[in-house]
Protein backbone atom coordinates (compact mmCIF):
# COMPACT_ATOMS: atom_id res chain seq x y z
CA MET A 1 25.48 -3.13 2.81
CA ARG A 2 25.19 -3.63 6.57
CA MET A 3 24.65 -0.84 9.08
CA THR A 4 24.36 -1.13 12.86
CA ARG A 5 22.37 1.68 14.40
CA PRO A 6 21.75 2.24 18.10
CA LEU A 7 18.27 3.55 18.84
CA ARG A 8 17.85 6.66 20.89
CA ASP A 9 15.02 6.87 23.39
CA LEU A 10 12.27 8.87 21.72
CA ARG A 11 8.89 9.65 23.21
CA TRP A 12 5.44 10.47 21.96
CA PRO A 13 4.57 14.15 22.44
CA ALA A 14 3.48 15.02 25.98
CA LEU A 15 3.67 11.37 27.05
CA ALA A 16 4.48 10.59 30.68
CA LEU A 17 6.32 7.27 30.63
CA VAL A 18 6.71 6.74 34.36
CA LEU A 19 4.00 4.11 34.60
CA THR A 20 2.32 2.61 37.63
CA LEU A 21 1.06 -0.51 35.83
CA GLY A 22 -0.29 -3.76 36.58
CA SER A 23 -10.85 -39.31 13.99
CA PHE A 24 -12.19 -36.30 11.82
CA HIS A 25 -9.55 -33.73 11.10
CA CYS A 26 -10.91 -30.20 11.38
CA GLY A 27 -8.27 -27.60 10.60
CA ALA A 28 -6.72 -25.67 13.47
CA MET A 29 -3.24 -24.30 14.06
CA ASP A 30 -2.41 -23.66 10.36
CA ALA A 31 -6.00 -24.44 9.38
CA GLU A 32 -5.08 -28.11 9.34
CA SER A 33 -4.39 -29.77 12.69
CA SER A 34 -7.36 -31.13 14.63
CA ASP A 35 -5.78 -30.33 18.01
CA ALA A 36 -6.04 -26.75 19.21
CA ARG A 37 -3.97 -27.24 22.35
CA ALA A 38 -1.13 -24.84 22.92
CA PRO A 39 2.39 -25.98 21.96
CA GLY A 40 4.09 -27.78 24.80
CA CYS A 41 0.77 -28.39 26.56
CA SER A 42 -0.77 -31.69 27.47
CA ASP A 43 -4.52 -31.93 27.87
CA GLY A 44 -4.86 -28.24 28.45
CA ASP A 45 -2.16 -27.85 31.10
CA CYS A 46 0.99 -25.89 30.31
CA ASP A 47 4.17 -26.06 32.31
CA GLY A 48 5.42 -22.77 33.62
CA PHE A 49 2.04 -21.15 34.16
CA GLY A 50 1.55 -21.96 37.82
CA GLY A 51 1.80 -19.52 40.71
CA THR A 52 -0.07 -16.36 41.44
CA GLY A 53 -0.53 -13.32 39.29
CA GLY A 54 1.72 -10.60 40.60
CA SER A 55 0.61 -7.06 41.30
CA GLY A 56 3.84 -5.59 40.01
CA GLY A 57 6.44 -6.21 37.36
CA GLY A 58 8.18 -9.18 38.98
CA ASP A 59 11.76 -10.40 38.65
CA GLY A 60 11.55 -12.08 35.24
CA ASN A 61 14.11 -14.77 34.42
CA ASP A 62 16.13 -13.37 31.52
CA ASN A 63 16.76 -16.90 30.17
CA GLU A 64 13.12 -17.95 30.01
CA PRO A 65 11.68 -17.55 26.49
CA GLU A 66 8.23 -16.21 25.83
CA ASP A 67 5.79 -18.80 24.45
CA GLU A 68 4.04 -17.88 21.20
CA LEU A 69 0.64 -19.37 22.05
CA GLU A 70 -1.68 -17.16 20.01
CA SER A 71 -1.51 -19.50 17.01
CA ALA A 72 -2.71 -22.36 19.22
CA PHE A 73 -6.16 -20.80 19.15
CA GLU A 74 -6.71 -20.49 15.40
CA ALA A 75 -10.05 -21.59 13.92
CA PRO A 76 -10.88 -24.76 11.96
CA VAL A 77 -11.33 -24.66 8.20
CA VAL A 78 -14.33 -22.48 7.41
CA THR A 79 -15.43 -20.44 4.42
CA GLU A 80 -18.26 -17.87 4.40
CA LYS A 81 -20.99 -20.11 5.77
CA ARG A 82 -19.60 -23.62 5.47
CA VAL A 83 -17.42 -25.78 7.72
CA TRP A 84 -15.15 -28.38 6.14
CA ALA A 85 -13.91 -31.67 7.68
CA ALA A 86 -11.78 -34.40 6.08
CA ASN A 87 -11.99 -38.11 6.84
CA PRO A 88 -8.74 -39.86 5.85
CA GLU A 89 -10.28 -43.31 6.38
CA SER A 90 -13.25 -42.93 4.04
CA GLY A 91 -11.55 -40.64 1.51
CA ARG A 92 -14.30 -38.04 1.81
CA VAL A 93 -14.65 -34.40 2.81
CA ALA A 94 -17.77 -33.38 4.73
CA ILE A 95 -19.15 -29.87 4.11
CA VAL A 96 -21.64 -28.47 6.63
CA ASP A 97 -23.79 -25.44 5.84
CA ALA A 98 -23.89 -23.47 9.09
CA SER A 99 -27.15 -21.75 8.11
CA THR A 100 -29.22 -24.85 7.37
CA LEU A 101 -27.10 -27.65 8.93
CA GLU A 102 -27.24 -29.42 5.58
CA ILE A 103 -24.28 -31.79 5.21
CA ARG A 104 -22.75 -33.01 1.98
CA THR A 105 -19.91 -35.46 1.55
CA ILE A 106 -17.52 -35.22 -1.39
CA ASP A 107 -15.11 -37.89 -2.60
CA ALA A 108 -11.49 -36.72 -2.51
CA GLY A 109 -8.31 -38.75 -2.97
CA PHE A 110 -6.62 -41.42 -0.87
CA ALA A 111 -6.49 -40.32 2.81
CA PRO A 112 -7.54 -36.65 2.60
CA THR A 113 -6.08 -35.03 5.72
CA HIS A 114 -4.80 -31.45 5.54
CA LEU A 115 -7.48 -28.90 4.62
CA ALA A 116 -7.21 -25.20 3.83
CA ALA A 117 -9.82 -22.63 2.88
CA ILE A 118 -9.31 -20.80 -0.43
CA PRO A 119 -10.42 -17.16 -0.82
CA SER A 120 -13.13 -17.05 -3.45
CA ARG A 121 -12.29 -15.42 -6.77
CA LYS A 122 -16.02 -15.14 -7.62
CA GLU A 123 -18.75 -13.61 -5.46
CA GLY A 124 -20.86 -16.26 -3.75
CA GLU A 125 -18.42 -19.08 -4.45
CA GLU A 126 -16.83 -21.08 -1.62
CA GLN A 127 -13.85 -23.38 -1.98
CA ALA A 128 -11.27 -25.40 -0.08
CA ILE A 129 -8.35 -27.66 -0.92
CA VAL A 130 -7.26 -30.87 0.78
CA LEU A 131 -3.98 -32.82 0.71
CA ASN A 132 -4.48 -36.53 0.07
CA VAL A 133 -1.46 -37.92 1.88
CA LEU A 134 -1.44 -41.43 0.41
CA SER A 135 -2.24 -40.61 -3.22
CA HIS A 136 0.18 -37.63 -3.18
CA ASP A 137 -2.24 -35.21 -4.74
CA ALA A 138 -4.60 -32.41 -3.78
CA THR A 139 -8.33 -32.06 -4.39
CA LEU A 140 -9.77 -28.60 -5.00
CA ILE A 141 -13.48 -28.43 -4.11
CA ARG A 142 -15.56 -25.50 -5.38
CA ILE A 143 -19.20 -24.77 -4.57
CA ASP A 144 -20.86 -22.20 -6.85
CA THR A 145 -23.73 -19.84 -6.04
CA ALA A 146 -26.27 -22.48 -7.09
CA GLY A 147 -24.75 -25.03 -4.71
CA GLU A 148 -23.19 -27.14 -7.46
CA VAL A 149 -19.93 -28.86 -6.54
CA GLU A 150 -16.89 -29.13 -8.80
CA THR A 151 -13.75 -31.06 -7.89
CA THR A 152 -10.37 -31.09 -9.61
CA THR A 153 -7.11 -32.80 -8.69
CA ALA A 154 -3.47 -31.76 -8.97
CA PRO A 155 -0.33 -33.78 -8.12
CA VAL A 156 1.84 -32.82 -5.14
CA HIS A 157 5.16 -34.07 -3.82
CA GLU A 158 5.30 -36.98 -1.39
CA GLY A 159 5.20 -36.05 2.28
CA ALA A 160 3.39 -32.71 1.95
CA ASN A 161 1.60 -31.80 5.19
CA ALA A 162 1.02 -28.03 5.13
CA TRP A 163 -0.59 -25.32 2.98
CA SER A 164 0.18 -21.69 2.24
CA ILE A 165 -2.62 -19.90 0.41
CA GLY A 166 -2.45 -16.69 -1.62
CA PRO A 167 -4.55 -13.81 -0.26
CA HIS A 168 -6.71 -13.73 -3.42
CA GLY A 169 -6.91 -17.47 -4.03
CA ARG A 170 -4.74 -17.59 -7.17
CA TYR A 171 -2.00 -19.83 -5.74
CA ALA A 172 -1.84 -22.62 -3.18
CA ILE A 173 1.56 -23.98 -2.10
CA ALA A 174 1.86 -27.46 -0.59
CA TRP A 175 4.98 -27.96 1.51
CA THR A 176 6.36 -30.12 4.32
CA ASP A 177 6.65 -28.82 7.86
CA ALA A 178 9.35 -30.90 9.58
CA ARG A 179 7.90 -30.01 12.98
CA ARG A 180 4.97 -32.29 12.13
CA VAL A 181 7.22 -35.22 11.27
CA GLU A 182 8.16 -37.59 14.08
CA ASN A 183 11.93 -38.15 14.48
CA PRO A 184 13.04 -37.07 11.00
CA ASP A 185 16.53 -38.05 9.86
CA PRO A 186 19.00 -35.11 9.77
CA THR A 187 19.51 -35.73 6.05
CA GLU A 188 15.82 -35.16 5.36
CA GLY A 189 15.54 -31.53 4.34
CA PHE A 190 11.88 -31.54 3.26
CA GLN A 191 12.87 -29.06 0.56
CA ASP A 192 10.24 -30.00 -2.04
CA ILE A 193 7.28 -27.69 -2.49
CA THR A 194 4.43 -27.81 -4.99
CA VAL A 195 3.04 -24.52 -6.34
CA ILE A 196 -0.50 -24.92 -7.68
CA ASP A 197 -1.98 -22.30 -9.99
CA LEU A 198 -5.67 -22.47 -9.12
CA ALA A 199 -6.66 -20.10 -11.92
CA ALA A 200 -5.54 -22.57 -14.57
CA SER A 201 -8.03 -25.11 -15.88
CA PRO A 202 -7.25 -27.69 -14.69
CA PRO A 203 -5.07 -26.37 -11.83
CA LYS A 204 -1.41 -26.51 -12.82
CA ALA A 205 1.20 -27.89 -10.39
CA THR A 206 4.90 -26.93 -10.43
CA ARG A 207 7.51 -28.70 -8.26
CA LEU A 208 10.39 -26.63 -6.82
CA ALA A 209 13.13 -27.10 -4.21
CA VAL A 210 13.75 -24.47 -1.51
CA GLY A 211 16.04 -24.23 1.53
CA TYR A 212 16.58 -26.90 4.18
CA ARG A 213 13.49 -27.51 6.33
CA PRO A 214 11.25 -24.57 5.59
CA ALA A 215 9.37 -23.26 8.64
CA GLN A 216 7.04 -20.85 6.84
CA ILE A 217 5.97 -19.97 3.32
CA VAL A 218 4.43 -16.55 2.63
CA ILE A 219 2.72 -15.30 -0.53
CA ASN A 220 2.66 -11.53 -1.04
CA GLU A 221 -0.49 -9.47 -1.52
CA ALA A 222 -0.10 -9.26 -5.29
CA GLU A 223 0.58 -13.02 -5.51
CA SER A 224 3.63 -12.18 -7.62
CA ARG A 225 6.20 -13.58 -5.15
CA ALA A 226 6.38 -16.31 -2.52
CA PHE A 227 8.98 -16.57 0.22
CA ALA A 228 10.11 -19.85 1.79
CA ILE A 229 11.73 -19.14 5.15
CA ALA A 230 14.21 -21.93 5.86
CA GLU A 231 17.52 -22.54 7.58
CA PRO A 232 19.84 -21.08 4.89
CA GLY A 233 17.68 -17.99 4.49
CA ILE A 234 14.68 -16.89 2.45
CA SER A 235 14.09 -18.60 -0.91
CA VAL A 236 12.35 -16.13 -3.24
CA ILE A 237 9.91 -17.66 -5.71
CA ALA A 238 8.62 -15.71 -8.72
CA LEU A 239 4.94 -16.33 -9.48
CA ASP A 240 4.51 -13.76 -12.25
CA GLY A 241 6.42 -15.51 -15.02
CA ASP A 242 5.43 -18.23 -17.46
CA ALA A 243 5.82 -20.73 -14.61
CA PRO A 244 6.79 -20.44 -10.92
CA SER A 245 10.55 -20.37 -10.47
CA LEU A 246 13.17 -19.89 -7.76
CA VAL A 247 14.91 -16.56 -8.37
CA ASN A 248 16.95 -15.71 -5.26
CA LEU A 249 18.22 -16.79 -1.84
CA VAL A 250 18.42 -14.01 0.74
CA GLU A 251 20.65 -14.83 3.72
CA VAL A 252 19.14 -14.24 7.14
CA ASN A 253 22.07 -15.09 9.42
CA ALA A 254 25.20 -15.85 7.42
CA SER A 255 27.37 -16.48 10.51
CA ASN A 256 24.98 -19.08 11.97
CA PRO A 257 22.37 -20.28 9.46
CA ALA A 258 20.93 -22.82 11.95
CA ALA A 259 20.22 -20.17 14.61
CA THR A 260 16.62 -19.99 15.74
CA SER A 261 14.97 -16.96 14.21
CA SER A 262 11.55 -15.48 13.72
CA VAL A 263 10.97 -13.90 10.33
CA ASP A 264 8.03 -11.80 9.14
CA VAL A 265 7.53 -10.60 5.57
CA THR A 266 5.61 -7.41 4.79
CA PRO A 267 2.39 -7.94 2.78
CA ASP A 268 3.89 -6.34 -0.33
CA GLY A 269 6.85 -8.72 -0.15
CA THR A 270 9.52 -6.02 -0.12
CA LEU A 271 10.89 -6.36 3.44
CA ALA A 272 11.66 -9.11 5.95
CA ILE A 273 11.89 -8.40 9.70
CA VAL A 274 14.12 -10.79 11.65
CA ARG A 275 14.64 -11.58 15.33
CA HIS A 276 17.17 -14.12 16.66
CA ASP A 277 16.66 -15.83 20.02
CA GLY A 278 18.83 -14.26 22.72
CA SER A 279 19.97 -11.40 20.45
CA GLU A 280 19.46 -7.67 20.95
CA VAL A 281 19.52 -7.07 17.16
CA VAL A 282 16.50 -6.66 14.90
CA THR A 283 17.35 -6.94 11.20
CA VAL A 284 15.35 -5.40 8.38
CA ILE A 285 16.14 -6.99 5.00
CA ASP A 286 15.24 -5.57 1.60
CA LEU A 287 14.03 -8.65 -0.31
CA VAL A 288 14.57 -6.94 -3.66
CA THR A 289 18.17 -5.76 -3.20
CA SER A 290 19.22 -8.09 -0.31
CA GLU A 291 20.49 -5.03 1.59
CA ARG A 292 19.96 -5.06 5.33
CA VAL A 293 20.00 -2.78 8.33
CA ASP A 294 20.66 -3.99 11.90
CA PHE A 295 19.00 -2.14 14.77
CA THR A 296 20.66 -2.77 18.13
CA LEU A 297 18.20 -2.56 20.99
CA SER A 298 18.83 -2.30 24.73
CA GLY A 299 18.67 -6.05 25.40
CA PRO A 300 17.59 -9.41 23.96
CA VAL A 301 14.42 -9.07 21.90
CA THR A 302 11.80 -11.47 23.28
CA ASP A 303 9.06 -10.79 20.72
CA LEU A 304 8.79 -9.11 17.33
CA ASP A 305 5.42 -8.47 15.70
CA LEU A 306 4.67 -6.99 12.27
CA ALA A 307 1.61 -4.82 11.77
CA ARG A 308 -1.00 -6.44 9.54
CA ASP A 309 -0.52 -3.77 6.85
CA GLY A 310 3.29 -3.90 7.15
CA SER A 311 3.59 -0.24 8.19
CA PHE A 312 5.64 -0.93 11.30
CA ALA A 313 7.24 -3.63 13.43
CA LEU A 314 7.01 -3.74 17.22
CA ALA A 315 9.87 -5.25 19.25
CA VAL A 316 9.74 -6.14 22.95
CA VAL A 317 12.77 -6.12 25.25
CA ARG A 318 11.83 -7.81 28.49
CA SER A 319 15.05 -6.95 30.37
CA PRO A 320 16.97 -3.93 29.01
CA THR A 321 20.70 -3.82 29.74
CA PRO A 322 21.87 -0.64 31.54
CA SER A 323 24.34 1.50 29.59
CA GLY A 324 27.05 3.89 30.65
CA GLY A 325 27.40 2.49 34.15
CA GLU A 326 23.77 3.22 35.00
CA GLU A 327 22.17 1.25 37.80
CA ALA A 328 19.79 -1.45 36.61
CA THR A 329 16.12 -0.71 37.25
CA PRO A 330 13.25 -3.16 36.80
CA GLY A 331 11.24 -2.63 33.67
CA SER A 332 10.81 -3.47 30.00
CA GLN A 333 10.90 -1.61 26.71
CA VAL A 334 8.86 -1.58 23.51
CA VAL A 335 10.37 -0.28 20.27
CA VAL A 336 8.27 0.75 17.25
CA LEU A 337 10.09 0.66 13.90
CA PRO A 338 8.13 2.53 11.17
CA LEU A 339 8.54 0.81 7.81
CA PRO A 340 10.16 1.57 5.49
CA ASP A 341 11.06 4.91 7.15
CA ALA A 342 13.28 3.32 9.80
CA LEU A 343 15.69 2.08 7.12
CA GLU A 344 16.50 5.63 6.06
CA ASP A 345 16.01 7.42 9.38
CA PRO A 346 16.83 5.43 12.55
CA GLU A 347 15.54 8.32 14.66
CA ALA A 348 12.05 7.54 13.37
CA ALA A 349 12.01 4.63 15.82
CA LEU A 350 10.15 5.12 19.09
CA THR A 351 11.22 3.52 22.38
CA LEU A 352 8.66 3.22 25.14
CA THR A 353 10.09 2.41 28.57
CA LEU A 354 7.87 0.69 31.15
CA PRO A 355 9.48 1.08 34.59
CA ASN A 356 8.72 -1.64 37.14
CA GLU A 357 6.92 -3.78 34.60
CA THR A 358 7.88 -7.08 33.01
CA VAL A 359 6.48 -7.64 29.53
CA GLY A 360 8.00 -9.93 26.95
CA SER A 361 5.21 -10.63 24.46
CA ALA A 362 2.98 -8.44 22.33
CA SER A 363 -0.28 -8.90 20.46
CA LEU A 364 -1.22 -6.28 17.87
CA THR A 365 -4.75 -5.48 16.81
CA ASP A 366 -5.63 -5.89 13.13
CA ALA A 367 -5.77 -2.12 12.71
CA GLY A 368 -2.33 -1.76 14.30
CA ASP A 369 -3.56 0.92 16.69
CA VAL A 370 -3.32 -1.02 19.98
CA ALA A 371 -0.53 -3.18 21.43
CA LEU A 372 -1.33 -5.64 24.23
CA LEU A 373 1.79 -6.39 26.28
CA TYR A 374 2.30 -9.18 28.80
CA THR A 375 4.66 -12.01 29.74
CA ASN A 376 4.13 -15.73 30.03
CA ALA A 377 7.77 -16.57 30.69
CA VAL A 378 7.07 -16.03 34.39
CA PRO A 379 3.68 -16.01 36.13
CA SER A 380 2.21 -12.52 35.79
CA ASP A 381 -1.33 -11.16 35.68
CA ARG A 382 -0.28 -7.80 34.24
CA LEU A 383 -1.68 -6.70 30.87
CA VAL A 384 -0.40 -3.36 29.56
CA VAL A 385 -2.59 -1.75 26.88
CA VAL A 386 -0.82 0.85 24.74
CA SER A 387 -2.48 3.09 22.16
CA LEU A 388 0.00 3.32 19.30
CA ASP A 389 -1.84 6.32 17.88
CA THR A 390 -1.43 8.53 20.97
CA GLY A 391 1.05 6.74 23.21
CA THR A 392 -1.45 6.62 26.07
CA HIS A 393 -1.45 3.48 28.12
CA ARG A 394 -2.99 1.66 31.04
CA ALA A 395 -2.29 -1.49 32.98
CA ILE A 396 -4.80 -4.10 34.06
CA SER A 397 -4.60 -6.83 36.67
CA LEU A 398 -6.32 -9.96 35.36
CA LYS A 399 -6.02 -11.79 38.70
CA ALA A 400 -4.35 -14.85 37.18
CA PRO A 401 -1.20 -15.53 35.13
CA ILE A 402 -1.62 -14.70 31.43
CA LYS A 403 -0.95 -17.43 28.86
CA ALA A 404 -2.02 -15.67 25.65
CA VAL A 405 -3.95 -12.60 24.49
CA LEU A 406 -6.08 -12.53 21.33
CA PRO A 407 -7.39 -9.15 20.09
CA ALA A 408 -10.83 -8.93 18.52
CA PRO A 409 -10.90 -7.92 14.83
CA ASP A 410 -12.44 -4.53 15.71
CA SER A 411 -9.61 -3.68 18.17
CA GLU A 412 -12.20 -2.80 20.84
CA HIS A 413 -11.77 -5.93 22.96
CA ALA A 414 -9.45 -8.84 23.59
CA VAL A 415 -9.71 -12.32 25.07
CA ALA A 416 -6.94 -13.28 27.50
CA ILE A 417 -6.34 -16.94 28.32
CA LEU A 418 -5.38 -17.38 31.98
CA ALA A 419 -3.77 -20.06 34.14
CA PRO A 420 -5.27 -20.78 37.56
CA PRO A 421 -3.46 -18.79 40.26
CA THR A 422 -2.21 -20.35 43.47
CA GLY A 423 -5.12 -21.16 45.75
CA SER A 424 -7.67 -21.47 42.93
CA THR A 425 -9.82 -24.59 42.72
CA LYS A 426 -10.75 -23.86 39.10
CA PRO A 427 -8.90 -25.68 36.28
CA GLY A 428 -8.95 -22.68 33.94
CA ALA A 429 -10.00 -19.08 33.34
CA PHE A 430 -10.22 -16.35 30.74
CA ALA A 431 -10.80 -12.61 30.68
CA LEU A 432 -12.73 -10.29 28.36
CA VAL A 433 -10.80 -7.03 28.20
CA PRO A 434 -12.00 -3.67 26.80
CA THR A 435 -8.96 -2.25 25.01
CA LYS A 436 -10.14 1.26 24.06
CA SER A 437 -12.01 2.22 27.22
CA THR A 438 -11.25 2.22 30.93
CA LEU A 439 -14.04 -0.22 31.72
CA PRO A 440 -12.97 -3.15 33.93
CA PRO A 441 -12.30 -6.61 32.44
CA ARG A 442 -14.62 -9.55 32.94
CA ILE A 443 -12.81 -12.44 34.65
CA GLN A 444 -14.44 -15.83 34.05
CA ALA A 445 -13.40 -19.05 35.80
CA THR A 446 -13.96 -22.28 33.87
CA GLU A 447 -14.63 -25.87 34.92
CA ALA A 448 -11.90 -27.17 32.62
CA PRO A 449 -8.73 -25.81 30.95
CA VAL A 450 -9.24 -23.55 27.93
CA LEU A 451 -8.67 -25.37 24.67
CA GLY A 452 -9.50 -22.81 21.97
CA VAL A 453 -10.87 -19.37 21.17
CA SER A 454 -12.61 -17.92 18.13
CA ILE A 455 -13.70 -14.29 17.73
CA ALA A 456 -16.25 -13.10 15.16
CA PRO A 457 -15.71 -9.88 13.20
CA ALA A 458 -18.06 -6.90 13.45
CA PRO A 459 -20.98 -6.54 13.59
CA SER A 460 -21.31 -9.76 15.63
CA HIS A 461 -18.92 -8.75 18.45
CA ARG A 462 -18.97 -12.29 19.82
CA ALA A 463 -16.37 -14.78 20.98
CA LEU A 464 -16.42 -18.49 21.75
CA VAL A 465 -14.10 -19.87 24.43
CA VAL A 466 -14.00 -23.67 24.49
CA VAL A 467 -12.82 -25.78 27.45
CA ARG A 468 -11.96 -29.46 27.43
CA GLY A 469 -12.25 -31.47 30.63
CA GLU A 470 -10.51 -34.49 32.02
CA ALA A 471 -12.04 -37.17 34.26
CA GLY A 472 -14.77 -35.59 36.34
CA GLN A 473 -14.71 -32.33 34.38
CA GLU A 474 -17.22 -31.13 31.83
CA HIS A 475 -16.68 -29.90 28.30
CA ALA A 476 -18.21 -26.56 27.45
CA ALA A 477 -18.27 -23.53 25.17
CA TYR A 478 -18.63 -20.05 26.62
CA LEU A 479 -20.42 -17.54 24.39
CA ALA A 480 -19.11 -14.04 25.15
CA ARG A 481 -20.98 -10.92 24.10
CA LEU A 482 -18.12 -8.47 23.99
CA PRO A 483 -19.79 -5.06 24.24
CA GLN A 484 -21.79 -6.21 27.27
CA LEU A 485 -19.07 -8.56 28.61
CA GLN A 486 -21.85 -11.09 29.16
CA VAL A 487 -20.92 -14.79 29.26
CA ASP A 488 -23.26 -17.77 28.71
CA ARG A 489 -22.21 -21.41 29.04
CA VAL A 490 -23.15 -24.15 26.58
CA ARG A 491 -22.49 -27.73 27.65
CA LEU A 492 -20.83 -30.02 25.09
CA ALA A 493 -21.59 -33.74 24.96
CA SER A 494 -18.15 -34.86 23.80
CA PRO A 495 -14.55 -33.62 24.00
CA PRO A 496 -13.98 -30.55 21.78
CA LEU A 497 -11.22 -30.41 19.19
CA ALA A 498 -11.37 -26.82 17.95
CA THR A 499 -13.68 -23.85 17.48
CA GLY A 500 -14.40 -21.34 14.75
CA MET A 501 -16.81 -18.80 13.27
CA ALA A 502 -19.01 -18.83 10.17
CA PRO A 503 -19.69 -15.07 9.97
CA ALA A 504 -22.05 -15.15 6.98
CA ALA A 505 -24.36 -17.47 8.93
CA ASN A 506 -23.88 -15.59 12.24
CA MET A 507 -22.86 -18.89 13.79
CA GLY A 508 -20.02 -20.13 15.90
CA PHE A 509 -19.17 -23.82 16.03
CA VAL A 510 -17.20 -26.41 17.97
CA ALA A 511 -15.73 -29.54 16.35
CA GLN A 512 -15.78 -32.51 18.73
CA GLU A 513 -14.43 -36.03 19.04
CA HIS A 514 -16.91 -38.61 17.81
CA PRO A 515 -16.52 -41.81 15.77
CA GLU A 516 -19.01 -40.46 13.19
CA GLY A 517 -18.00 -36.77 13.40
CA ARG A 518 -19.75 -34.12 15.49
CA LEU A 519 -20.19 -30.34 15.27
CA THR A 520 -22.12 -28.06 17.64
CA PHE A 521 -23.36 -24.79 16.13
CA ILE A 522 -24.15 -21.85 18.41
CA ASP A 523 -26.30 -18.94 17.26
CA LEU A 524 -24.29 -15.79 17.98
CA GLU A 525 -27.41 -13.72 18.52
CA ASN A 526 -29.48 -15.82 20.94
CA GLY A 527 -27.01 -18.50 22.08
CA ALA A 528 -29.16 -21.42 20.88
CA ALA A 529 -27.10 -24.55 20.23
CA ARG A 530 -27.71 -27.37 17.76
CA THR A 531 -25.49 -30.40 17.24
CA VAL A 532 -25.03 -32.48 14.12
CA THR A 533 -23.40 -35.87 14.21
CA GLY A 534 -22.72 -38.73 11.82
CA PHE A 535 -21.34 -36.96 8.75
CA GLU A 536 -21.37 -40.19 6.73
CA LEU A 537 -23.26 -42.77 8.79
CA GLY A 538 -26.79 -41.38 8.74
CA THR A 539 -26.30 -37.64 9.22
CA ARG A 540 -28.70 -36.26 11.80
CA VAL A 541 -29.34 -33.40 14.19
CA VAL A 542 -29.14 -34.71 17.75
CA ASP A 543 -30.25 -31.58 19.65
């Protein structure tokens, strides 16, 4: 069944919408890559971010895509209080206790490279899994409450370079991301995946084949289904039988399977939300029945975000198309699709029009109560903060073009990564933005381009912003105290790779380039920094 439903322009009660707005590999990206630079960026500089931040909406280029840069700032592999680093040359994994700076090295397989943290299934236990790329297996490393280490090994398919981990740590799926393979042949589909049951003793591996070149694999909250999002559609994998098995293929775009799409799956695994580049249609697919509903918006959808709990999807239309002979007016629209209500009642959707503003990207808070809207397709300093509970809104000028916005876990603040505006002598900048109050943002220039961001959950209310310099520039980490908007700078002795948080130890850390491995730990309470180096060649604290 396919239904196409135009959305009518609904409004929140009593809401005025005429706005006047303004060599060691530490996991990053998908908890695996050691380089936290944004996609398409070289050494911290991104094309398309020059120019000045505008004071109004601007004349956005309809053909320029928004850049999804938020994932470029994900943290390295970390469990409750330990940081994990793999050395493919020695065949070992280093484990650093952020509380004591004690370092242990564990033998893995041949060329351990791609690490992922595993949610603990027992209180006090910490665990991670690493892909050994030359021995074609995976090593699961568990540390119990007494500090004892247990390792087990499971076979994986050749060429695996990515992990998808179940939310409760029952299953880990090794797969191959073609985007990490240099110049792959068109006949290489990278369709093999390995599903590892971590609850079995020893862990049990099952090989399956999914669609051509999977781009994402998602495991639902119950860990009863997994979904491989690939070119032909969504391969549905049952995890609740005697053994994992492929049970269905749900088409995403039957007329053009190779079309670029973004697909999100709700946490319960019942619905998929689909956006196609350049299309004004958002598709909601029932993954149980394969039925779908198409929602036609007012113009091409430039971003589509799913709430963390799956209760709604938020679509952004940067340049709505006038209807009925109306004169075009500058502005953008945001559409909220309640799930699953919107499938039965299209009038449940809410359309928020932002006159004289250009927004094409959205970042949602974890609670789903605040949407942060901006564009990075054209230089713009405008951040629009919308309360999704009340429909109230405000706009903020951040004084420099926005590259990405990362909400804090408590929804009270956000960190915006900025590009230097025209006339600036500073290589980079960031802003600390209160999202639930009218307090002004803190704008902070940096002596080098921003490389990565990590934000600690409550009650720490801290963030680390790491910058990586070129010749003549320094490397540094900026410790931000979010309630006070206070910023302190910590100099780094070597080029940073990525940053993260160890919340149980109340520590932030920065992984750095060094022939022996180097980590700098920063106390989130007092800002004191200590650096450990030489994970295997005489481990020591250097300052």
